[in-house]
Amino acid sequence: MTPEQKLIIGTSLLPVLADFIEDYPMKQLAKAQRNAIVKAIRHYDAFYMDGAPIDVVDQQANIQLWFRQMLEKEFVN
């Protein structure tokens, strides 16, 4: 894998993980730490993806969709 491909994968999976972390109920101190992590991920994603070519944006969306589907399949309630 090229460094660019690794970056696309990282910037694809981190926002999904941030969504999952954001959805989990937490108490005050943990919630503050969670919010800091989520904010950092959102900034990181925006830094790399704002102005990215449309094919890279599409790749990111496809990887996110695949990752969510794989997790839903694996963790059936």
Protein backbone atom coordinates (compact mmCIF):
# COMPACT_ATOMS: atom_id res chain seq x y z
CA MET A 1 0.00 0.00 0.00
CA THR A 2 1.20 3.48 -0.77
CA PRO A 3 1.45 6.14 1.94
CA GLU A 4 -1.44 7.97 0.24
CA GLN A 5 -3.63 4.87 0.39
CA LYS A 6 -2.79 4.41 4.07
CA LEU A 7 -3.75 8.03 4.70
CA ILE A 8 -7.10 7.56 2.93
CA ILE A 9 -7.81 4.49 5.05
CA GLY A 10 -6.89 6.34 8.25
CA THR A 11 -8.97 9.36 7.38
CA SER A 12 -11.83 7.03 6.48
CA LEU A 13 -11.91 4.93 9.62
CA LEU A 14 -11.23 7.61 12.22
CA PRO A 15 -14.49 9.54 11.59
CA VAL A 16 -16.48 6.31 11.89
CA LEU A 17 -14.75 5.53 15.18
CA ALA A 18 -15.43 9.08 16.36
CA ASP A 19 -19.14 8.55 15.61
CA PHE A 20 -19.13 5.37 17.68
CA ILE A 21 -17.32 7.02 20.59
CA GLU A 22 -19.65 10.01 20.40
CA ASP A 23 -22.72 7.76 20.67
CA TYR A 24 -21.58 6.09 23.89
CA PRO A 25 -23.00 7.71 27.06
CA MET A 26 -20.29 8.84 29.48
CA LYS A 27 -19.91 10.74 32.74
CA GLN A 28 -18.48 14.26 32.93
CA LEU A 29 -14.69 13.79 32.92
CA ALA A 30 -14.81 10.93 30.44
CA LYS A 31 -17.25 12.94 28.32
CA ALA A 32 -14.81 15.87 28.18
CA GLN A 33 -12.00 13.54 27.08
CA ARG A 34 -14.28 11.90 24.52
CA ASN A 35 -15.28 15.27 23.10
CA ALA A 36 -11.61 16.28 22.80
CA ILE A 37 -10.80 13.10 20.88
CA VAL A 38 -13.81 13.49 18.59
CA LYS A 39 -12.94 17.14 17.93
CA ALA A 40 -9.34 16.23 17.08
CA ILE A 41 -10.50 13.52 14.67
CA ARG A 42 -12.95 15.89 12.98
CA HIS A 43 -10.19 18.51 12.54
CA TYR A 44 -7.76 15.90 11.20
CA ASP A 45 -10.38 14.68 8.73
CA ALA A 46 -11.20 18.22 7.58
CA PHE A 47 -7.50 19.06 7.18
CA TYR A 48 -6.95 16.20 4.75
CA MET A 49 -10.34 15.97 3.08
CA ASP A 50 -11.36 19.60 2.51
CA GLY A 51 -10.46 20.26 -1.08
CA ALA A 52 -9.57 16.62 -1.79
CA PRO A 53 -10.26 15.34 -5.29
CA ILE A 54 -13.71 13.83 -5.75
CA ASP A 55 -12.30 10.34 -6.31
CA VAL A 56 -10.58 10.48 -2.92
CA VAL A 57 -13.80 11.68 -1.26
CA ASP A 58 -15.66 8.81 -2.94
CA GLN A 59 -13.02 6.33 -1.77
CA GLN A 60 -13.36 7.63 1.78
CA ALA A 61 -17.15 7.28 1.69
CA ASN A 62 -16.90 3.75 0.26
CA ILE A 63 -14.40 2.66 2.91
CA GLN A 64 -16.58 4.12 5.66
CA LEU A 65 -19.65 2.33 4.31
CA TRP A 66 -17.77 -0.96 4.00
CA PHE A 67 -16.37 -0.63 7.54
CA ARG A 68 -19.78 0.07 9.05
CA GLN A 69 -21.37 -2.82 7.15
CA MET A 70 -18.61 -5.20 8.20
CA LEU A 71 -19.03 -4.21 11.85
CA GLU A 72 -22.82 -4.53 11.70
CA LYS A 73 -22.45 -8.01 10.18
CA GLU A 74 -19.86 -9.04 12.76
CA PHE A 75 -21.69 -7.62 15.79
CA VAL A 76 -25.25 -8.73 15.11
CA ASN A 77 -27.41 -8.10 18.18
